[in-house]
Amino acid sequence: MMTELLPLFLTLKGRRVLLVGGGPVAAAKLRQLLAVGADVFVVAPSVDAAIERANVTVARRPFEAADLDGAWLVVAAATPEANREVATAAEARRIFVNAVDDPPNASAFLSGVVRRDGVTIAISTNGDAPALAGLLREALDAVLPVDLETWMDQARRERFIWRRDLVPMDQRRPLLLAALNRLYDGQTRETVGA
């Protein structure tokens, strides 16, 4: 049985992330890391064309423990042997490792993610079933309201009022639900989001 995971969102903008591996899987992880503004350093003996085209520093060689210097996070998308070497070196330095499709060498797991209108939902299967996480991500995206941005705007306005008026945390959710329901007063279900 796997240890329970703590869901966590990281701010990686401008922070160094080491990506070990140069194949198509590493290229996909690189896209995710660049999308959040990470400063990515890639280490691999050879790299995919997509990595070549990216604006990142690439060292074409095997991983060395010194590559971890200054890293906030490591993504290991290499062979199980290389991932194990990365994990051992990172553990000694207290750096989290996402070892792609290699749970024994991972201390962090990336998730299926839905990002829309300021809302981020992450789904994890503890690294055991990434395809299921992907299916769940697609299903959740399909059931989110089409006017989610309106919900976010209303939630921001309400939060400002609650903080100003010192509304206790345990009273906020019912107040938000009432405020969101008021957005649709006088509308039929068919007109909502149209």
N, C-alpha and C. Protein backbone atom coordinates (compact mmCIF):
# COMPACT_ATOMS: atom_id res chain seq x y z
N MET A 1 0.84 -1.19 0.00
CA MET A 1 0.00 0.00 0.00
C MET A 1 0.88 1.25 0.00
N MET A 2 0.52 2.19 -0.85
CA MET A 2 1.31 3.41 -0.98
C MET A 2 0.94 4.43 0.10
N THR A 3 1.90 5.19 0.52
CA THR A 3 1.69 6.26 1.47
C THR A 3 0.74 7.29 0.86
N GLU A 4 -0.14 7.85 1.69
CA GLU A 4 -1.04 8.90 1.21
C GLU A 4 -0.23 10.12 0.79
N LEU A 5 -0.70 10.79 -0.26
CA LEU A 5 -0.01 11.96 -0.80
C LEU A 5 -0.69 13.25 -0.35
N LEU A 6 0.09 14.28 -0.19
CA LEU A 6 -0.43 15.61 0.10
C LEU A 6 -0.57 16.35 -1.22
N PRO A 7 -1.80 16.65 -1.66
CA PRO A 7 -1.94 17.46 -2.88
C PRO A 7 -1.34 18.84 -2.63
N LEU A 8 -0.58 19.33 -3.59
CA LEU A 8 0.15 20.57 -3.39
C LEU A 8 0.32 21.26 -4.74
N PHE A 9 0.11 22.55 -4.78
CA PHE A 9 0.36 23.33 -5.99
C PHE A 9 1.63 24.14 -5.75
N LEU A 10 2.54 24.12 -6.70
CA LEU A 10 3.83 24.79 -6.56
C LEU A 10 3.93 26.00 -7.47
N THR A 11 4.59 27.03 -6.99
CA THR A 11 4.95 28.17 -7.83
C THR A 11 6.35 27.90 -8.36
N LEU A 12 6.45 27.61 -9.64
CA LEU A 12 7.75 27.32 -10.24
C LEU A 12 8.26 28.43 -11.15
N LYS A 13 7.47 29.48 -11.31
CA LYS A 13 7.89 30.57 -12.19
C LYS A 13 9.24 31.11 -11.76
N GLY A 14 10.20 31.08 -12.71
CA GLY A 14 11.53 31.60 -12.46
C GLY A 14 12.40 30.70 -11.61
N ARG A 15 11.88 29.55 -11.19
CA ARG A 15 12.65 28.63 -10.35
C ARG A 15 13.21 27.50 -11.21
N ARG A 16 14.40 27.08 -10.86
CA ARG A 16 15.08 26.05 -11.65
C ARG A 16 14.47 24.67 -11.42
N VAL A 17 14.16 24.00 -12.52
CA VAL A 17 13.70 22.61 -12.49
C VAL A 17 14.63 21.82 -13.39
N LEU A 18 15.16 20.74 -12.86
CA LEU A 18 16.02 19.85 -13.63
C LEU A 18 15.16 18.80 -14.29
N LEU A 19 15.30 18.64 -15.60
CA LEU A 19 14.60 17.61 -16.37
C LEU A 19 15.66 16.65 -16.89
N VAL A 20 15.61 15.41 -16.40
CA VAL A 20 16.57 14.39 -16.82
C VAL A 20 15.87 13.47 -17.81
N GLY A 21 16.36 13.46 -19.03
CA GLY A 21 15.75 12.67 -20.10
C GLY A 21 15.52 13.55 -21.30
N GLY A 22 15.56 12.94 -22.47
CA GLY A 22 15.43 13.75 -23.68
C GLY A 22 14.45 13.22 -24.70
N GLY A 23 13.67 12.22 -24.36
CA GLY A 23 12.74 11.61 -25.30
C GLY A 23 11.39 12.33 -25.36
N PRO A 24 10.41 11.72 -26.04
CA PRO A 24 9.08 12.33 -26.19
C PRO A 24 8.37 12.57 -24.85
N VAL A 25 8.55 11.68 -23.89
CA VAL A 25 7.92 11.87 -22.57
C VAL A 25 8.53 13.09 -21.88
N ALA A 26 9.84 13.22 -21.96
CA ALA A 26 10.51 14.39 -21.39
C ALA A 26 10.04 15.67 -22.09
N ALA A 27 9.85 15.60 -23.40
CA ALA A 27 9.37 16.76 -24.16
C ALA A 27 7.98 17.18 -23.68
N ALA A 28 7.12 16.22 -23.39
CA ALA A 28 5.78 16.54 -22.88
C ALA A 28 5.87 17.19 -21.51
N LYS A 29 6.74 16.68 -20.65
CA LYS A 29 6.93 17.28 -19.32
C LYS A 29 7.53 18.68 -19.44
N LEU A 30 8.41 18.85 -20.41
CA LEU A 30 9.00 20.17 -20.64
C LEU A 30 7.92 21.19 -20.97
N ARG A 31 6.97 20.82 -21.82
CA ARG A 31 5.87 21.74 -22.16
C ARG A 31 5.11 22.15 -20.90
N GLN A 32 4.82 21.19 -20.02
CA GLN A 32 4.12 21.50 -18.78
C GLN A 32 4.92 22.47 -17.91
N LEU A 33 6.21 22.23 -17.80
CA LEU A 33 7.05 23.06 -16.96
C LEU A 33 7.19 24.48 -17.52
N LEU A 34 7.34 24.58 -18.83
CA LEU A 34 7.45 25.91 -19.45
C LEU A 34 6.14 26.67 -19.34
N ALA A 35 5.02 25.96 -19.37
CA ALA A 35 3.71 26.61 -19.28
C ALA A 35 3.52 27.32 -17.94
N VAL A 36 4.23 26.87 -16.91
CA VAL A 36 4.11 27.52 -15.60
C VAL A 36 5.31 28.42 -15.31
N GLY A 37 6.16 28.64 -16.31
CA GLY A 37 7.25 29.59 -16.18
C GLY A 37 8.50 29.08 -15.50
N ALA A 38 8.65 27.76 -15.39
CA ALA A 38 9.85 27.21 -14.75
C ALA A 38 11.09 27.49 -15.60
N ASP A 39 12.21 27.64 -14.93
CA ASP A 39 13.52 27.78 -15.58
C ASP A 39 14.09 26.37 -15.69
N VAL A 40 13.91 25.74 -16.86
CA VAL A 40 14.22 24.32 -17.01
C VAL A 40 15.62 24.11 -17.57
N PHE A 41 16.32 23.17 -16.95
CA PHE A 41 17.64 22.72 -17.38
C PHE A 41 17.50 21.25 -17.73
N VAL A 42 17.81 20.88 -18.97
CA VAL A 42 17.64 19.50 -19.43
C VAL A 42 19.00 18.81 -19.49
N VAL A 43 19.05 17.59 -18.97
CA VAL A 43 20.25 16.77 -19.04
C VAL A 43 19.87 15.44 -19.68
N ALA A 44 20.51 15.12 -20.81
CA ALA A 44 20.27 13.85 -21.50
C ALA A 44 21.34 13.67 -22.57
N PRO A 45 21.75 12.44 -22.81
CA PRO A 45 22.75 12.20 -23.86
C PRO A 45 22.26 12.63 -25.25
N SER A 46 20.96 12.46 -25.50
CA SER A 46 20.38 12.93 -26.77
C SER A 46 18.99 13.47 -26.46
N VAL A 47 18.51 14.41 -27.29
CA VAL A 47 17.23 15.04 -27.01
C VAL A 47 16.32 15.02 -28.24
N ASP A 48 15.03 14.95 -27.96
CA ASP A 48 13.97 15.00 -28.95
C ASP A 48 13.99 16.36 -29.66
N ALA A 49 13.50 16.38 -30.89
CA ALA A 49 13.47 17.63 -31.67
C ALA A 49 12.67 18.72 -30.96
N ALA A 50 11.60 18.34 -30.26
CA ALA A 50 10.79 19.34 -29.54
C ALA A 50 11.60 20.02 -28.44
N ILE A 51 12.48 19.27 -27.80
CA ILE A 51 13.34 19.87 -26.77
C ILE A 51 14.37 20.77 -27.43
N GLU A 52 14.90 20.34 -28.56
CA GLU A 52 15.86 21.16 -29.33
C GLU A 52 15.28 22.54 -29.63
N ARG A 53 13.98 22.57 -29.99
CA ARG A 53 13.34 23.83 -30.40
C ARG A 53 12.99 24.73 -29.21
N ALA A 54 12.93 24.16 -28.03
CA ALA A 54 12.55 24.93 -26.85
C ALA A 54 13.71 25.84 -26.43
N ASN A 55 13.37 26.91 -25.79
CA ASN A 55 14.37 27.88 -25.34
C ASN A 55 14.84 27.50 -23.94
N VAL A 56 15.59 26.38 -23.85
CA VAL A 56 16.10 25.91 -22.55
C VAL A 56 17.55 25.49 -22.71
N THR A 57 18.25 25.46 -21.59
CA THR A 57 19.63 24.99 -21.58
C THR A 57 19.63 23.47 -21.57
N VAL A 58 20.43 22.88 -22.45
CA VAL A 58 20.52 21.43 -22.56
C VAL A 58 21.97 21.01 -22.41
N ALA A 59 22.21 20.03 -21.52
CA ALA A 59 23.53 19.42 -21.40
C ALA A 59 23.41 18.00 -21.97
N ARG A 60 24.09 17.75 -23.08
CA ARG A 60 24.00 16.44 -23.75
C ARG A 60 25.03 15.48 -23.15
N ARG A 61 24.61 14.88 -22.04
CA ARG A 61 25.46 13.94 -21.32
C ARG A 61 24.61 13.26 -20.27
N PRO A 62 25.14 12.20 -19.64
CA PRO A 62 24.40 11.56 -18.55
C PRO A 62 24.28 12.48 -17.34
N PHE A 63 23.31 12.19 -16.49
CA PHE A 63 23.07 12.92 -15.24
C PHE A 63 24.28 12.86 -14.33
N GLU A 64 24.56 13.97 -13.65
CA GLU A 64 25.57 14.05 -12.59
C GLU A 64 24.91 14.68 -11.38
N ALA A 65 25.26 14.25 -10.20
CA ALA A 65 24.64 14.77 -8.97
C ALA A 65 24.72 16.29 -8.89
N ALA A 66 25.78 16.89 -9.40
CA ALA A 66 25.93 18.36 -9.37
C ALA A 66 24.85 19.06 -10.19
N ASP A 67 24.19 18.34 -11.09
CA ASP A 67 23.09 18.94 -11.86
C ASP A 67 21.95 19.40 -10.96
N LEU A 68 21.88 18.84 -9.77
CA LEU A 68 20.83 19.19 -8.82
C LEU A 68 21.06 20.54 -8.13
N ASP A 69 22.27 21.08 -8.25
CA ASP A 69 22.59 22.35 -7.59
C ASP A 69 21.59 23.43 -8.04
N GLY A 70 20.93 24.02 -7.07
CA GLY A 70 19.99 25.11 -7.34
C GLY A 70 18.61 24.68 -7.80
N ALA A 71 18.36 23.39 -7.93
CA ALA A 71 17.06 22.92 -8.40
C ALA A 71 16.03 22.92 -7.26
N TRP A 72 14.81 23.30 -7.60
CA TRP A 72 13.70 23.25 -6.66
C TRP A 72 12.94 21.93 -6.81
N LEU A 73 13.02 21.36 -8.02
CA LEU A 73 12.28 20.15 -8.34
C LEU A 73 13.03 19.44 -9.45
N VAL A 74 12.91 18.11 -9.49
CA VAL A 74 13.52 17.32 -10.56
C VAL A 74 12.43 16.47 -11.21
N VAL A 75 12.45 16.44 -12.53
CA VAL A 75 11.60 15.52 -13.28
C VAL A 75 12.53 14.55 -13.98
N ALA A 76 12.41 13.27 -13.61
CA ALA A 76 13.24 12.23 -14.20
C ALA A 76 12.40 11.45 -15.20
N ALA A 77 12.72 11.61 -16.47
CA ALA A 77 11.99 10.95 -17.55
C ALA A 77 12.97 10.14 -18.38
N ALA A 78 13.73 9.34 -17.69
CA ALA A 78 14.80 8.57 -18.34
C ALA A 78 14.55 7.08 -18.08
N THR A 79 15.59 6.29 -18.17
CA THR A 79 15.48 4.86 -17.89
C THR A 79 15.29 4.65 -16.39
N PRO A 80 14.76 3.49 -15.97
CA PRO A 80 14.63 3.25 -14.53
C PRO A 80 15.97 3.35 -13.79
N GLU A 81 17.04 2.92 -14.43
CA GLU A 81 18.36 3.01 -13.79
C GLU A 81 18.77 4.47 -13.58
N ALA A 82 18.60 5.28 -14.62
CA ALA A 82 18.93 6.70 -14.51
C ALA A 82 18.02 7.39 -13.50
N ASN A 83 16.72 7.06 -13.53
CA ASN A 83 15.77 7.64 -12.58
C ASN A 83 16.18 7.29 -11.14
N ARG A 84 16.61 6.06 -10.91
CA ARG A 84 17.04 5.63 -9.58
C ARG A 84 18.26 6.44 -9.13
N GLU A 85 19.20 6.67 -10.03
CA GLU A 85 20.38 7.47 -9.71
C GLU A 85 19.97 8.90 -9.34
N VAL A 86 19.05 9.47 -10.13
CA VAL A 86 18.54 10.81 -9.85
C VAL A 86 17.86 10.84 -8.49
N ALA A 87 16.99 9.86 -8.23
CA ALA A 87 16.24 9.82 -6.98
C ALA A 87 17.16 9.72 -5.77
N THR A 88 18.19 8.90 -5.87
CA THR A 88 19.14 8.74 -4.76
C THR A 88 19.87 10.05 -4.48
N ALA A 89 20.35 10.69 -5.53
CA ALA A 89 21.07 11.96 -5.36
C ALA A 89 20.15 13.06 -4.84
N ALA A 90 18.91 13.10 -5.34
CA ALA A 90 17.95 14.13 -4.91
C ALA A 90 17.52 13.92 -3.47
N GLU A 91 17.33 12.68 -3.07
CA GLU A 91 16.94 12.37 -1.69
C GLU A 91 18.01 12.88 -0.71
N ALA A 92 19.26 12.71 -1.06
CA ALA A 92 20.35 13.18 -0.20
C ALA A 92 20.33 14.70 -0.05
N ARG A 93 19.78 15.38 -1.05
CA ARG A 93 19.74 16.85 -1.03
C ARG A 93 18.36 17.39 -0.65
N ARG A 94 17.43 16.51 -0.34
CA ARG A 94 16.07 16.91 0.03
C ARG A 94 15.36 17.65 -1.10
N ILE A 95 15.48 17.12 -2.30
CA ILE A 95 14.81 17.69 -3.47
C ILE A 95 13.79 16.67 -3.96
N PHE A 96 12.57 17.11 -4.20
CA PHE A 96 11.53 16.21 -4.68
C PHE A 96 11.77 15.81 -6.13
N VAL A 97 11.42 14.55 -6.44
CA VAL A 97 11.61 14.00 -7.78
C VAL A 97 10.29 13.47 -8.30
N ASN A 98 9.93 13.92 -9.49
CA ASN A 98 8.85 13.28 -10.23
C ASN A 98 9.52 12.35 -11.22
N ALA A 99 9.44 11.05 -10.94
CA ALA A 99 10.00 10.05 -11.86
C ALA A 99 8.85 9.54 -12.71
N VAL A 100 8.84 9.92 -13.98
CA VAL A 100 7.71 9.67 -14.86
C VAL A 100 7.48 8.18 -15.03
N ASP A 101 6.26 7.75 -14.71
CA ASP A 101 5.83 6.36 -14.83
C ASP A 101 6.79 5.41 -14.12
N ASP A 102 7.34 5.86 -13.00
CA ASP A 102 8.33 5.10 -12.24
C ASP A 102 8.13 5.38 -10.74
N PRO A 103 6.97 4.99 -10.17
CA PRO A 103 6.66 5.33 -8.77
C PRO A 103 7.73 4.99 -7.75
N PRO A 104 8.46 3.86 -7.87
CA PRO A 104 9.46 3.58 -6.84
C PRO A 104 10.56 4.65 -6.74
N ASN A 105 10.80 5.37 -7.83
CA ASN A 105 11.86 6.38 -7.83
C ASN A 105 11.31 7.81 -7.70
N ALA A 106 10.05 7.92 -7.32
CA ALA A 106 9.41 9.23 -7.24
C ALA A 106 9.09 9.61 -5.81
N SER A 107 9.27 10.89 -5.50
CA SER A 107 8.82 11.44 -4.23
C SER A 107 7.77 12.53 -4.47
N ALA A 108 7.47 12.78 -5.74
CA ALA A 108 6.44 13.75 -6.15
C ALA A 108 5.78 13.21 -7.40
N PHE A 109 4.49 13.45 -7.53
CA PHE A 109 3.74 12.95 -8.67
C PHE A 109 3.02 14.11 -9.34
N LEU A 110 3.24 14.28 -10.63
CA LEU A 110 2.47 15.27 -11.38
C LEU A 110 1.10 14.67 -11.62
N SER A 111 0.12 15.50 -11.87
CA SER A 111 -1.25 15.03 -11.92
C SER A 111 -1.91 15.38 -13.24
N GLY A 112 -3.07 14.78 -13.45
CA GLY A 112 -3.92 15.23 -14.54
C GLY A 112 -4.48 16.57 -14.11
N VAL A 113 -4.45 17.56 -14.98
CA VAL A 113 -4.81 18.92 -14.58
C VAL A 113 -5.85 19.52 -15.53
N VAL A 114 -6.85 20.14 -14.91
CA VAL A 114 -7.81 20.97 -15.65
C VAL A 114 -7.52 22.40 -15.24
N ARG A 115 -7.24 23.26 -16.22
CA ARG A 115 -7.02 24.69 -15.96
C ARG A 115 -8.01 25.47 -16.80
N ARG A 116 -8.90 26.19 -16.10
CA ARG A 116 -9.84 27.00 -16.85
C ARG A 116 -10.31 28.18 -16.01
N ASP A 117 -10.20 29.36 -16.58
CA ASP A 117 -10.76 30.58 -15.99
C ASP A 117 -10.33 30.81 -14.54
N GLY A 118 -9.06 30.53 -14.24
CA GLY A 118 -8.55 30.78 -12.90
C GLY A 118 -8.76 29.63 -11.94
N VAL A 119 -9.34 28.54 -12.40
CA VAL A 119 -9.55 27.36 -11.56
C VAL A 119 -8.59 26.27 -12.03
N THR A 120 -7.92 25.63 -11.09
CA THR A 120 -7.04 24.50 -11.39
C THR A 120 -7.50 23.32 -10.56
N ILE A 121 -7.77 22.21 -11.24
CA ILE A 121 -8.15 20.98 -10.57
C ILE A 121 -7.11 19.93 -10.94
N ALA A 122 -6.57 19.27 -9.93
CA ALA A 122 -5.55 18.25 -10.16
C ALA A 122 -6.06 16.89 -9.70
N ILE A 123 -5.76 15.87 -10.48
CA ILE A 123 -6.19 14.51 -10.19
C ILE A 123 -4.96 13.62 -10.13
N SER A 124 -4.88 12.80 -9.09
CA SER A 124 -3.75 11.88 -8.96
C SER A 124 -4.24 10.48 -8.66
N THR A 125 -3.52 9.50 -9.15
CA THR A 125 -3.76 8.10 -8.80
C THR A 125 -2.51 7.55 -8.10
N ASN A 126 -1.79 8.43 -7.41
CA ASN A 126 -0.55 8.07 -6.69
C ASN A 126 0.49 7.45 -7.61
N GLY A 127 0.43 7.81 -8.88
CA GLY A 127 1.39 7.31 -9.84
C GLY A 127 1.08 5.92 -10.36
N ASP A 128 -0.01 5.31 -9.89
CA ASP A 128 -0.33 3.93 -10.26
C ASP A 128 -1.10 3.80 -11.57
N ALA A 129 -1.89 4.81 -11.93
CA ALA A 129 -2.75 4.69 -13.11
C ALA A 129 -2.89 6.04 -13.82
N PRO A 130 -1.83 6.53 -14.47
CA PRO A 130 -1.89 7.85 -15.10
C PRO A 130 -2.98 7.96 -16.17
N ALA A 131 -3.29 6.87 -16.87
CA ALA A 131 -4.35 6.94 -17.89
C ALA A 131 -5.70 7.21 -17.23
N LEU A 132 -5.95 6.63 -16.07
CA LEU A 132 -7.20 6.90 -15.35
C LEU A 132 -7.26 8.36 -14.92
N ALA A 133 -6.14 8.90 -14.45
CA ALA A 133 -6.10 10.32 -14.08
C ALA A 133 -6.47 11.18 -15.29
N GLY A 134 -5.99 10.81 -16.47
CA GLY A 134 -6.32 11.54 -17.69
C GLY A 134 -7.80 11.47 -18.02
N LEU A 135 -8.40 10.29 -17.88
CA LEU A 135 -9.84 10.15 -18.14
C LEU A 135 -10.66 10.97 -17.15
N LEU A 136 -10.28 10.93 -15.89
CA LEU A 136 -10.98 11.72 -14.88
C LEU A 136 -10.85 13.21 -15.16
N ARG A 137 -9.66 13.63 -15.60
CA ARG A 137 -9.46 15.04 -15.94
C ARG A 137 -10.43 15.46 -17.04
N GLU A 138 -10.53 14.66 -18.09
CA GLU A 138 -11.44 14.97 -19.19
C GLU A 138 -12.89 15.02 -18.71
N ALA A 139 -13.28 14.08 -17.85
CA ALA A 139 -14.65 14.05 -17.34
C ALA A 139 -14.96 15.28 -16.49
N LEU A 140 -14.04 15.66 -15.62
CA LEU A 140 -14.26 16.85 -14.79
C LEU A 140 -14.34 18.12 -15.63
N ASP A 141 -13.49 18.21 -16.63
CA ASP A 141 -13.53 19.37 -17.51
C ASP A 141 -14.89 19.49 -18.20
N ALA A 142 -15.45 18.35 -18.57
CA ALA A 142 -16.73 18.35 -19.28
C ALA A 142 -17.90 18.79 -18.40
N VAL A 143 -17.80 18.59 -17.07
CA VAL A 143 -18.93 18.94 -16.21
C VAL A 143 -18.78 20.30 -15.53
N LEU A 144 -17.66 20.96 -15.70
CA LEU A 144 -17.52 22.30 -15.14
C LEU A 144 -18.45 23.27 -15.86
N PRO A 145 -18.96 24.25 -15.15
CA PRO A 145 -19.88 25.20 -15.79
C PRO A 145 -19.20 25.98 -16.92
N VAL A 146 -19.97 26.23 -17.98
CA VAL A 146 -19.40 26.97 -19.11
C VAL A 146 -19.06 28.41 -18.72
N ASP A 147 -19.75 28.93 -17.70
CA ASP A 147 -19.51 30.29 -17.25
C ASP A 147 -18.68 30.33 -15.97
N LEU A 148 -17.70 29.45 -15.88
CA LEU A 148 -16.85 29.35 -14.70
C LEU A 148 -16.16 30.67 -14.38
N GLU A 149 -15.81 31.43 -15.40
CA GLU A 149 -15.17 32.74 -15.17
C GLU A 149 -16.08 33.66 -14.37
N THR A 150 -17.37 33.61 -14.63
CA THR A 150 -18.34 34.39 -13.87
C THR A 150 -18.36 33.95 -12.41
N TRP A 151 -18.29 32.64 -12.19
CA TRP A 151 -18.23 32.12 -10.83
C TRP A 151 -16.99 32.64 -10.11
N MET A 152 -15.85 32.63 -10.81
CA MET A 152 -14.61 33.12 -10.21
C MET A 152 -14.71 34.61 -9.84
N ASP A 153 -15.26 35.39 -10.76
CA ASP A 153 -15.42 36.83 -10.49
C ASP A 153 -16.29 37.05 -9.25
N GLN A 154 -17.40 36.32 -9.16
CA GLN A 154 -18.29 36.45 -8.02
C GLN A 154 -17.59 36.02 -6.73
N ALA A 155 -16.85 34.91 -6.80
CA ALA A 155 -16.14 34.42 -5.61
C ALA A 155 -15.11 35.44 -5.13
N ARG A 156 -14.43 36.09 -6.05
CA ARG A 156 -13.46 37.12 -5.67
C ARG A 156 -14.15 38.29 -4.97
N ARG A 157 -15.28 38.73 -5.53
CA ARG A 157 -16.03 39.84 -4.92
C ARG A 157 -16.49 39.47 -3.52
N GLU A 158 -17.03 38.25 -3.38
CA GLU A 158 -17.51 37.80 -2.08
C GLU A 158 -16.37 37.72 -1.06
N ARG A 159 -15.24 37.20 -1.49
CA ARG A 159 -14.10 37.07 -0.57
C ARG A 159 -13.66 38.43 -0.04
N PHE A 160 -13.65 39.43 -0.92
CA PHE A 160 -13.29 40.78 -0.48
C PHE A 160 -14.24 41.23 0.62
N ILE A 161 -15.54 41.01 0.43
CA ILE A 161 -16.54 41.42 1.43
C ILE A 161 -16.35 40.64 2.73
N TRP A 162 -16.14 39.32 2.63
CA TRP A 162 -15.98 38.50 3.84
C TRP A 162 -14.77 38.93 4.65
N ARG A 163 -13.69 39.21 3.95
CA ARG A 163 -12.48 39.63 4.67
C ARG A 163 -12.70 40.99 5.32
N ARG A 164 -13.33 41.89 4.58
CA ARG A 164 -13.62 43.22 5.13
C ARG A 164 -14.52 43.12 6.36
N ASP A 165 -15.53 42.24 6.28
CA ASP A 165 -16.52 42.12 7.35
C ASP A 165 -16.17 41.05 8.38
N LEU A 166 -14.98 40.45 8.26
CA LEU A 166 -14.50 39.43 9.19
C LEU A 166 -15.46 38.25 9.33
N VAL A 167 -15.98 37.80 8.21
CA VAL A 167 -16.89 36.65 8.20
C VAL A 167 -16.07 35.39 8.47
N PRO A 168 -16.46 34.59 9.47
CA PRO A 168 -15.71 33.37 9.79
C PRO A 168 -15.68 32.39 8.60
N MET A 169 -14.59 31.63 8.51
CA MET A 169 -14.39 30.70 7.40
C MET A 169 -15.55 29.72 7.25
N ASP A 170 -16.06 29.19 8.35
CA ASP A 170 -17.11 28.17 8.26
C ASP A 170 -18.44 28.71 7.74
N GLN A 171 -18.58 30.02 7.62
CA GLN A 171 -19.82 30.62 7.10
C GLN A 171 -19.71 30.99 5.62
N ARG A 172 -18.51 30.91 5.06
CA ARG A 172 -18.29 31.42 3.71
C ARG A 172 -18.87 30.56 2.60
N ARG A 173 -18.77 29.25 2.70
CA ARG A 173 -19.27 28.40 1.61
C ARG A 173 -20.77 28.56 1.39
N PRO A 174 -21.59 28.52 2.45
CA PRO A 174 -23.02 28.73 2.21
C PRO A 174 -23.31 30.11 1.61
N LEU A 175 -22.55 31.11 2.03
CA LEU A 175 -22.73 32.46 1.47
C LEU A 175 -22.35 32.49 -0.01
N LEU A 176 -21.28 31.79 -0.36
CA LEU A 176 -20.87 31.74 -1.77
C LEU A 176 -21.91 31.01 -2.60
N LEU A 177 -22.43 29.91 -2.11
CA LEU A 177 -23.46 29.17 -2.84
C LEU A 177 -24.68 30.05 -3.09
N ALA A 178 -25.09 30.80 -2.08
CA ALA A 178 -26.23 31.71 -2.24
C ALA A 178 -25.92 32.78 -3.28
N ALA A 179 -24.71 33.33 -3.25
CA ALA A 179 -24.32 34.37 -4.21
C ALA A 179 -24.30 33.81 -5.64
N LEU A 180 -23.78 32.59 -5.80
CA LEU A 180 -23.77 31.98 -7.14
C LEU A 180 -25.18 31.69 -7.62
N ASN A 181 -26.05 31.25 -6.74
CA ASN A 181 -27.44 31.01 -7.13
C ASN A 181 -28.13 32.30 -7.57
N ARG A 182 -27.79 33.41 -6.92
CA ARG A 182 -28.39 34.71 -7.29
C ARG A 182 -28.00 35.12 -8.72
N LEU A 183 -26.85 34.61 -9.20
CA LEU A 183 -26.45 34.92 -10.58
C LEU A 183 -27.49 34.44 -11.58
N TYR A 184 -28.24 33.42 -11.20
CA TYR A 184 -29.18 32.80 -12.13
C TYR A 184 -30.64 33.08 -11.81
N ASP A 185 -30.89 33.94 -10.83
CA ASP A 185 -32.28 34.28 -10.50
C ASP A 185 -32.99 34.78 -11.75
N GLY A 186 -34.15 34.20 -12.02
CA GLY A 186 -34.95 34.62 -13.17
C GLY A 186 -34.56 33.96 -14.47
N GLN A 187 -33.52 33.12 -14.48
CA GLN A 187 -33.10 32.44 -15.70
C GLN A 187 -33.58 31.00 -15.65
N THR A 188 -33.91 30.48 -16.80
CA THR A 188 -34.22 29.05 -16.89
C THR A 188 -32.92 28.29 -17.13
N ARG A 189 -32.94 27.01 -16.89
CA ARG A 189 -31.75 26.18 -17.10
C ARG A 189 -31.24 26.28 -18.54
N GLU A 190 -32.15 26.43 -19.51
CA GLU A 190 -31.73 26.46 -20.91
C GLU A 190 -30.94 27.72 -21.27
N THR A 191 -31.19 28.82 -20.52
CA THR A 191 -30.51 30.07 -20.86
C THR A 191 -29.20 30.25 -20.11
N VAL A 192 -28.97 29.49 -19.06
CA VAL A 192 -27.75 29.63 -18.28
C VAL A 192 -26.56 29.21 -19.14
N GLY A 193 -25.60 30.09 -19.26
CA GLY A 193 -24.38 29.80 -20.02
C GLY A 193 -24.53 29.97 -21.51
N ALA A 194 -25.70 30.34 -21.99
CA ALA A 194 -25.90 30.50 -23.44
C ALA A 194 -25.44 31.85 -23.91
